[in-house]
Amino acid sequence: MWKRKESLNLKIATYNIWNSESGMPYRIKYIVNEIKLINADVICLQEVSSRNWLKVLQQMLIIPIGILIILKK
């Protein structure tokens, strides 16, 4: 019988960034800081209304985006 010797933990977070064009330039540094503090393996962002802000987040976090799924109503 096969037994796993160590447990694997995966930290998943969802974060609603409440994207508004007027507020994002001011709020982006706080959003980046919060995402860094969360330190999750998988982060799901809600209310990202523009791909430009997603690119800005990626550059400020210096992380690769492995999978990007965009759902619209």
PDB file of N, CA and C in Angstrom:
ATOM      1  N   MET A   1       0.835  -1.169   0.000  1.00  0.00           N
ATOM      2  CA  MET A   1       0.000   0.000   0.000  1.00  0.00           C
ATOM      3  C   MET A   1       0.889   1.244   0.000  1.00  0.00           C
ATOM      4  N   TRP A   2       0.537   2.207  -0.845  1.00  0.00           N
ATOM      5  CA  TRP A   2       1.288   3.449  -0.961  1.00  0.00           C
ATOM      6  C   TRP A   2       0.805   4.430   0.091  1.00  0.00           C
ATOM      7  N   LYS A   3       1.748   5.072   0.784  1.00  0.00           N
ATOM      8  CA  LYS A   3       1.397   6.071   1.787  1.00  0.00           C
ATOM      9  C   LYS A   3       2.157   7.359   1.506  1.00  0.00           C
ATOM     10  N   ARG A   4       1.461   8.445   1.597  1.00  0.00           N
ATOM     11  CA  ARG A   4       2.094   9.745   1.418  1.00  0.00           C
ATOM     12  C   ARG A   4       2.802  10.110   2.708  1.00  0.00           C
ATOM     13  N   LYS A   5       4.067  10.513   2.610  1.00  0.00           N
ATOM     14  CA  LYS A   5       4.861  10.829   3.792  1.00  0.00           C
ATOM     15  C   LYS A   5       4.707  12.277   4.244  1.00  0.00           C
ATOM     16  N   GLU A   6       4.297  13.126   3.364  1.00  0.00           N
ATOM     17  CA  GLU A   6       4.129  14.518   3.739  1.00  0.00           C
ATOM     18  C   GLU A   6       2.799  15.033   3.203  1.00  0.00           C
ATOM     19  N   SER A   7       2.245  15.987   3.875  1.00  0.00           N
ATOM     20  CA  SER A   7       0.988  16.546   3.404  1.00  0.00           C
ATOM     21  C   SER A   7       1.279  17.719   2.472  1.00  0.00           C
ATOM     22  N   LEU A   8       0.410  17.919   1.537  1.00  0.00           N
ATOM     23  CA  LEU A   8       0.532  19.030   0.605  1.00  0.00           C
ATOM     24  C   LEU A   8      -0.548  20.051   0.942  1.00  0.00           C
ATOM     25  N   ASN A   9      -0.154  21.272   1.099  1.00  0.00           N
ATOM     26  CA  ASN A   9      -1.100  22.335   1.387  1.00  0.00           C
ATOM     27  C   ASN A   9      -1.138  23.308   0.221  1.00  0.00           C
ATOM     28  N   LEU A  10      -2.327  23.710  -0.142  1.00  0.00           N
ATOM     29  CA  LEU A  10      -2.520  24.668  -1.218  1.00  0.00           C
ATOM     30  C   LEU A  10      -3.369  25.798  -0.662  1.00  0.00           C
ATOM     31  N   LYS A  11      -2.833  26.993  -0.689  1.00  0.00           N
ATOM     32  CA  LYS A  11      -3.550  28.152  -0.165  1.00  0.00           C
ATOM     33  C   LYS A  11      -4.198  28.899  -1.322  1.00  0.00           C
ATOM     34  N   ILE A  12      -5.526  29.001  -1.262  1.00  0.00           N
ATOM     35  CA  ILE A  12      -6.311  29.652  -2.309  1.00  0.00           C
ATOM     36  C   ILE A  12      -6.996  30.870  -1.712  1.00  0.00           C
ATOM     37  N   ALA A  13      -6.931  31.987  -2.422  1.00  0.00           N
ATOM     38  CA  ALA A  13      -7.562  33.219  -1.948  1.00  0.00           C
ATOM     39  C   ALA A  13      -8.374  33.842  -3.074  1.00  0.00           C
ATOM     40  N   THR A  14      -9.455  34.478  -2.709  1.00  0.00           N
ATOM     41  CA  THR A  14     -10.225  35.264  -3.662  1.00  0.00           C
ATOM     42  C   THR A  14     -10.265  36.691  -3.139  1.00  0.00           C
ATOM     43  N   TYR A  15     -10.090  37.644  -4.037  1.00  0.00           N
ATOM     44  CA  TYR A  15      -9.976  39.028  -3.619  1.00  0.00           C
ATOM     45  C   TYR A  15     -10.751  39.906  -4.592  1.00  0.00           C
ATOM     46  N   ASN A  16     -11.723  40.633  -4.072  1.00  0.00           N
ATOM     47  CA  ASN A  16     -12.493  41.564  -4.878  1.00  0.00           C
ATOM     48  C   ASN A  16     -11.771  42.909  -4.833  1.00  0.00           C
ATOM     49  N   ILE A  17     -11.185  43.293  -5.954  1.00  0.00           N
ATOM     50  CA  ILE A  17     -10.378  44.512  -5.965  1.00  0.00           C
ATOM     51  C   ILE A  17     -11.221  45.766  -6.193  1.00  0.00           C
ATOM     52  N   TRP A  18     -12.514  45.616  -6.380  1.00  0.00           N
ATOM     53  CA  TRP A  18     -13.431  46.740  -6.549  1.00  0.00           C
ATOM     54  C   TRP A  18     -12.831  47.760  -7.507  1.00  0.00           C
ATOM     55  N   ASN A  19     -12.670  47.333  -8.729  1.00  0.00           N
ATOM     56  CA  ASN A  19     -11.995  48.120  -9.752  1.00  0.00           C
ATOM     57  C   ASN A  19     -12.866  49.275 -10.216  1.00  0.00           C
ATOM     58  N   SER A  20     -12.408  50.471  -9.967  1.00  0.00           N
ATOM     59  CA  SER A  20     -13.044  51.667 -10.521  1.00  0.00           C
ATOM     60  C   SER A  20     -11.933  52.511 -11.133  1.00  0.00           C
ATOM     61  N   GLU A  21     -12.174  53.007 -12.309  1.00  0.00           N
ATOM     62  CA  GLU A  21     -11.128  53.754 -13.014  1.00  0.00           C
ATOM     63  C   GLU A  21     -10.653  54.960 -12.217  1.00  0.00           C
ATOM     64  N   SER A  22     -11.542  55.599 -11.478  1.00  0.00           N
ATOM     65  CA  SER A  22     -11.130  56.789 -10.728  1.00  0.00           C
ATOM     66  C   SER A  22     -10.312  56.429  -9.493  1.00  0.00           C
ATOM     67  N   GLY A  23     -10.575  55.271  -8.893  1.00  0.00           N
ATOM     68  CA  GLY A  23      -9.892  54.910  -7.658  1.00  0.00           C
ATOM     69  C   GLY A  23      -8.656  54.048  -7.824  1.00  0.00           C
ATOM     70  N   MET A  24      -8.529  53.360  -8.941  1.00  0.00           N
ATOM     71  CA  MET A  24      -7.438  52.390  -9.097  1.00  0.00           C
ATOM     72  C   MET A  24      -6.041  52.990  -9.027  1.00  0.00           C
ATOM     73  N   PRO A  25      -5.776  54.147  -9.644  1.00  0.00           N
ATOM     74  CA  PRO A  25      -4.406  54.662  -9.529  1.00  0.00           C
ATOM     75  C   PRO A  25      -3.966  54.844  -8.072  1.00  0.00           C
ATOM     76  N   TYR A  26      -4.872  55.232  -7.214  1.00  0.00           N
ATOM     77  CA  TYR A  26      -4.559  55.415  -5.802  1.00  0.00           C
ATOM     78  C   TYR A  26      -4.508  54.078  -5.057  1.00  0.00           C
ATOM     79  N   ARG A  27      -5.416  53.176  -5.390  1.00  0.00           N
ATOM     80  CA  ARG A  27      -5.588  51.934  -4.637  1.00  0.00           C
ATOM     81  C   ARG A  27      -4.630  50.822  -5.036  1.00  0.00           C
ATOM     82  N   ILE A  28      -4.012  50.901  -6.207  1.00  0.00           N
ATOM     83  CA  ILE A  28      -3.246  49.775  -6.738  1.00  0.00           C
ATOM     84  C   ILE A  28      -2.119  49.336  -5.788  1.00  0.00           C
ATOM     85  N   LYS A  29      -1.427  50.291  -5.168  1.00  0.00           N
ATOM     86  CA  LYS A  29      -0.318  49.907  -4.277  1.00  0.00           C
ATOM     87  C   LYS A  29      -0.833  49.162  -3.039  1.00  0.00           C
ATOM     88  N   TYR A  30      -2.033  49.510  -2.577  1.00  0.00           N
ATOM     89  CA  TYR A  30      -2.615  48.816  -1.425  1.00  0.00           C
ATOM     90  C   TYR A  30      -3.087  47.410  -1.806  1.00  0.00           C
ATOM     91  N   ILE A  31      -3.610  47.284  -3.004  1.00  0.00           N
ATOM     92  CA  ILE A  31      -4.041  45.968  -3.501  1.00  0.00           C
ATOM     93  C   ILE A  31      -2.830  45.047  -3.630  1.00  0.00           C
ATOM     94  N   VAL A  32      -1.744  45.554  -4.202  1.00  0.00           N
ATOM     95  CA  VAL A  32      -0.514  44.768  -4.357  1.00  0.00           C
ATOM     96  C   VAL A  32       0.014  44.336  -2.994  1.00  0.00           C
ATOM     97  N   ASN A  33       0.033  45.244  -2.039  1.00  0.00           N
ATOM     98  CA  ASN A  33       0.505  44.922  -0.693  1.00  0.00           C
ATOM     99  C   ASN A  33      -0.358  43.827  -0.061  1.00  0.00           C
ATOM    100  N   GLU A  34      -1.665  43.930  -0.210  1.00  0.00           N
ATOM    101  CA  GLU A  34      -2.577  42.929   0.359  1.00  0.00           C
ATOM    102  C   GLU A  34      -2.362  41.559  -0.273  1.00  0.00           C
ATOM    103  N   ILE A  35      -2.181  41.523  -1.578  1.00  0.00           N
ATOM    104  CA  ILE A  35      -1.941  40.254  -2.271  1.00  0.00           C
ATOM    105  C   ILE A  35      -0.634  39.623  -1.789  1.00  0.00           C
ATOM    106  N   LYS A  36       0.391  40.448  -1.589  1.00  0.00           N
ATOM    107  CA  LYS A  36       1.663  39.928  -1.078  1.00  0.00           C
ATOM    108  C   LYS A  36       1.500  39.368   0.333  1.00  0.00           C
ATOM    109  N   LEU A  37       0.726  40.056   1.167  1.00  0.00           N
ATOM    110  CA  LEU A  37       0.500  39.590   2.536  1.00  0.00           C
ATOM    111  C   LEU A  37      -0.269  38.275   2.574  1.00  0.00           C
ATOM    112  N   ILE A  38      -1.202  38.118   1.648  1.00  0.00           N
ATOM    113  CA  ILE A  38      -1.994  36.889   1.578  1.00  0.00           C
ATOM    114  C   ILE A  38      -1.093  35.696   1.285  1.00  0.00           C
ATOM    115  N   ASN A  39      -0.128  35.893   0.379  1.00  0.00           N
ATOM    116  CA  ASN A  39       0.859  34.864   0.037  1.00  0.00           C
ATOM    117  C   ASN A  39       0.206  33.537  -0.357  1.00  0.00           C
ATOM    118  N   ALA A  40      -0.790  33.613  -1.205  1.00  0.00           N
ATOM    119  CA  ALA A  40      -1.516  32.417  -1.638  1.00  0.00           C
ATOM    120  C   ALA A  40      -0.847  31.781  -2.850  1.00  0.00           C
ATOM    121  N   ASP A  41      -1.095  30.496  -3.020  1.00  0.00           N
ATOM    122  CA  ASP A  41      -0.609  29.778  -4.204  1.00  0.00           C
ATOM    123  C   ASP A  41      -1.472  30.094  -5.416  1.00  0.00           C
ATOM    124  N   VAL A  42      -2.760  30.282  -5.177  1.00  0.00           N
ATOM    125  CA  VAL A  42      -3.725  30.607  -6.229  1.00  0.00           C
ATOM    126  C   VAL A  42      -4.511  31.822  -5.767  1.00  0.00           C
ATOM    127  N   ILE A  43      -4.579  32.837  -6.619  1.00  0.00           N
ATOM    128  CA  ILE A  43      -5.339  34.038  -6.294  1.00  0.00           C
ATOM    129  C   ILE A  43      -6.382  34.253  -7.383  1.00  0.00           C
ATOM    130  N   CYS A  44      -7.629  34.385  -6.976  1.00  0.00           N
ATOM    131  CA  CYS A  44      -8.730  34.677  -7.891  1.00  0.00           C
ATOM    132  C   CYS A  44      -9.134  36.127  -7.658  1.00  0.00           C
ATOM    133  N   LEU A  45      -9.011  36.951  -8.685  1.00  0.00           N
ATOM    134  CA  LEU A  45      -9.367  38.360  -8.555  1.00  0.00           C
ATOM    135  C   LEU A  45     -10.744  38.603  -9.156  1.00  0.00           C
ATOM    136  N   GLN A  46     -11.551  39.323  -8.429  1.00  0.00           N
ATOM    137  CA  GLN A  46     -12.889  39.683  -8.897  1.00  0.00           C
ATOM    138  C   GLN A  46     -12.914  41.165  -9.235  1.00  0.00           C
ATOM    139  N   GLU A  47     -13.788  41.508 -10.159  1.00  0.00           N
ATOM    140  CA  GLU A  47     -14.013  42.888 -10.602  1.00  0.00           C
ATOM    141  C   GLU A  47     -12.774  43.537 -11.199  1.00  0.00           C
ATOM    142  N   VAL A  48     -12.039  42.784 -11.978  1.00  0.00           N
ATOM    143  CA  VAL A  48     -10.935  43.360 -12.756  1.00  0.00           C
ATOM    144  C   VAL A  48     -11.556  43.770 -14.085  1.00  0.00           C
ATOM    145  N   SER A  49     -11.810  45.060 -14.232  1.00  0.00           N
ATOM    146  CA  SER A  49     -12.570  45.511 -15.404  1.00  0.00           C
ATOM    147  C   SER A  49     -11.698  45.772 -16.631  1.00  0.00           C
ATOM    148  N   SER A  50     -10.390  45.758 -16.465  1.00  0.00           N
ATOM    149  CA  SER A  50      -9.541  45.996 -17.624  1.00  0.00           C
ATOM    150  C   SER A  50      -8.296  45.115 -17.554  1.00  0.00           C
ATOM    151  N   ARG A  51      -7.882  44.633 -18.703  1.00  0.00           N
ATOM    152  CA  ARG A  51      -6.656  43.822 -18.755  1.00  0.00           C
ATOM    153  C   ARG A  51      -5.428  44.658 -18.442  1.00  0.00           C
ATOM    154  N   ASN A  52      -5.529  45.961 -18.657  1.00  0.00           N
ATOM    155  CA  ASN A  52      -4.399  46.838 -18.337  1.00  0.00           C
ATOM    156  C   ASN A  52      -4.076  46.790 -16.853  1.00  0.00           C
ATOM    157  N   TRP A  53      -5.102  46.823 -15.997  1.00  0.00           N
ATOM    158  CA  TRP A  53      -4.855  46.763 -14.556  1.00  0.00           C
ATOM    159  C   TRP A  53      -4.315  45.393 -14.158  1.00  0.00           C
ATOM    160  N   LEU A  54      -4.751  44.359 -14.857  1.00  0.00           N
ATOM    161  CA  LEU A  54      -4.211  43.034 -14.580  1.00  0.00           C
ATOM    162  C   LEU A  54      -2.719  42.983 -14.905  1.00  0.00           C
ATOM    163  N   LYS A  55      -2.321  43.600 -16.007  1.00  0.00           N
ATOM    164  CA  LYS A  55      -0.902  43.663 -16.372  1.00  0.00           C
ATOM    165  C   LYS A  55      -0.106  44.472 -15.345  1.00  0.00           C
ATOM    166  N   VAL A  56      -0.686  45.571 -14.891  1.00  0.00           N
ATOM    167  CA  VAL A  56      -0.015  46.397 -13.874  1.00  0.00           C
ATOM    168  C   VAL A  56       0.187  45.578 -12.602  1.00  0.00           C
ATOM    169  N   LEU A  57      -0.848  44.860 -12.175  1.00  0.00           N
ATOM    170  CA  LEU A  57      -0.723  44.007 -10.989  1.00  0.00           C
ATOM    171  C   LEU A  57       0.369  42.970 -11.172  1.00  0.00           C
ATOM    172  N   GLN A  58       0.394  42.338 -12.327  1.00  0.00           N
ATOM    173  CA  GLN A  58       1.402  41.314 -12.593  1.00  0.00           C
ATOM    174  C   GLN A  58       2.806  41.899 -12.520  1.00  0.00           C
ATOM    175  N   GLN A  59       3.012  43.070 -13.105  1.00  0.00           N
ATOM    176  CA  GLN A  59       4.334  43.692 -13.095  1.00  0.00           C
ATOM    177  C   GLN A  59       4.742  44.126 -11.691  1.00  0.00           C
ATOM    178  N   MET A  60       3.799  44.650 -10.930  1.00  0.00           N
ATOM    179  CA  MET A  60       4.121  45.109  -9.574  1.00  0.00           C
ATOM    180  C   MET A  60       4.375  43.943  -8.621  1.00  0.00           C
ATOM    181  N   LEU A  61       3.715  42.814  -8.870  1.00  0.00           N
ATOM    182  CA  LEU A  61       3.909  41.639  -8.026  1.00  0.00           C
ATOM    183  C   LEU A  61       5.104  40.800  -8.471  1.00  0.00           C
ATOM    184  N   ILE A  62       5.559  41.037  -9.694  1.00  0.00           N
ATOM    185  CA  ILE A  62       6.661  40.292 -10.297  1.00  0.00           C
ATOM    186  C   ILE A  62       6.395  38.786 -10.212  1.00  0.00           C
ATOM    187  N   ILE A  63       5.219  38.392 -10.692  1.00  0.00           N
ATOM    188  CA  ILE A  63       4.849  36.980 -10.723  1.00  0.00           C
ATOM    189  C   ILE A  63       4.327  36.629 -12.108  1.00  0.00           C
ATOM    190  N   PRO A  64       4.574  35.419 -12.534  1.00  0.00           N
ATOM    191  CA  PRO A  64       3.988  34.984 -13.800  1.00  0.00           C
ATOM    192  C   PRO A  64       2.526  34.615 -13.595  1.00  0.00           C
ATOM    193  N   ILE A  65       1.738  34.862 -14.594  1.00  0.00           N
ATOM    194  CA  ILE A  65       0.355  34.402 -14.547  1.00  0.00           C
ATOM    195  C   ILE A  65       0.312  33.097 -15.321  1.00  0.00           C
ATOM    196  N   GLY A  66       0.068  32.007 -14.596  1.00  0.00           N
ATOM    197  CA  GLY A  66       0.060  30.688 -15.213  1.00  0.00           C
ATOM    198  C   GLY A  66      -1.179  30.448 -16.040  1.00  0.00           C
ATOM    199  N   ILE A  67      -2.308  30.756 -15.460  1.00  0.00           N
ATOM    200  CA  ILE A  67      -3.582  30.567 -16.156  1.00  0.00           C
ATOM    201  C   ILE A  67      -4.416  31.810 -15.936  1.00  0.00           C
ATOM    202  N   LEU A  68      -4.973  32.321 -17.012  1.00  0.00           N
ATOM    203  CA  LEU A  68      -5.824  33.484 -16.920  1.00  0.00           C
ATOM    204  C   LEU A  68      -7.180  33.125 -17.501  1.00  0.00           C
ATOM    205  N   ILE A  69      -8.192  33.198 -16.682  1.00  0.00           N
ATOM    206  CA  ILE A  69      -9.549  32.910 -17.131  1.00  0.00           C
ATOM    207  C   ILE A  69     -10.369  34.166 -16.916  1.00  0.00           C
ATOM    208  N   ILE A  70     -11.006  34.632 -17.961  1.00  0.00           N
ATOM    209  CA  ILE A  70     -11.825  35.836 -17.865  1.00  0.00           C
ATOM    210  C   ILE A  70     -13.254  35.458 -18.184  1.00  0.00           C
ATOM    211  N   LEU A  71     -14.140  35.744 -17.250  1.00  0.00           N
ATOM    212  CA  LEU A  71     -15.554  35.468 -17.445  1.00  0.00           C
ATOM    213  C   LEU A  71     -16.323  36.783 -17.438  1.00  0.00           C
ATOM    214  N   LYS A  72     -17.201  36.929 -18.394  1.00  0.00           N
ATOM    215  CA  LYS A  72     -18.034  38.118 -18.462  1.00  0.00           C
ATOM    216  C   LYS A  72     -19.486  37.683 -18.531  1.00  0.00           C
ATOM    217  N   LYS A  73     -20.352  38.549 -18.035  1.00  0.00           N
ATOM    218  CA  LYS A  73     -21.779  38.265 -18.126  1.00  0.00           C
ATOM    219  C   LYS A  73     -22.264  38.542 -19.521  1.00  0.00           C
TER     220      LYS A  73
END
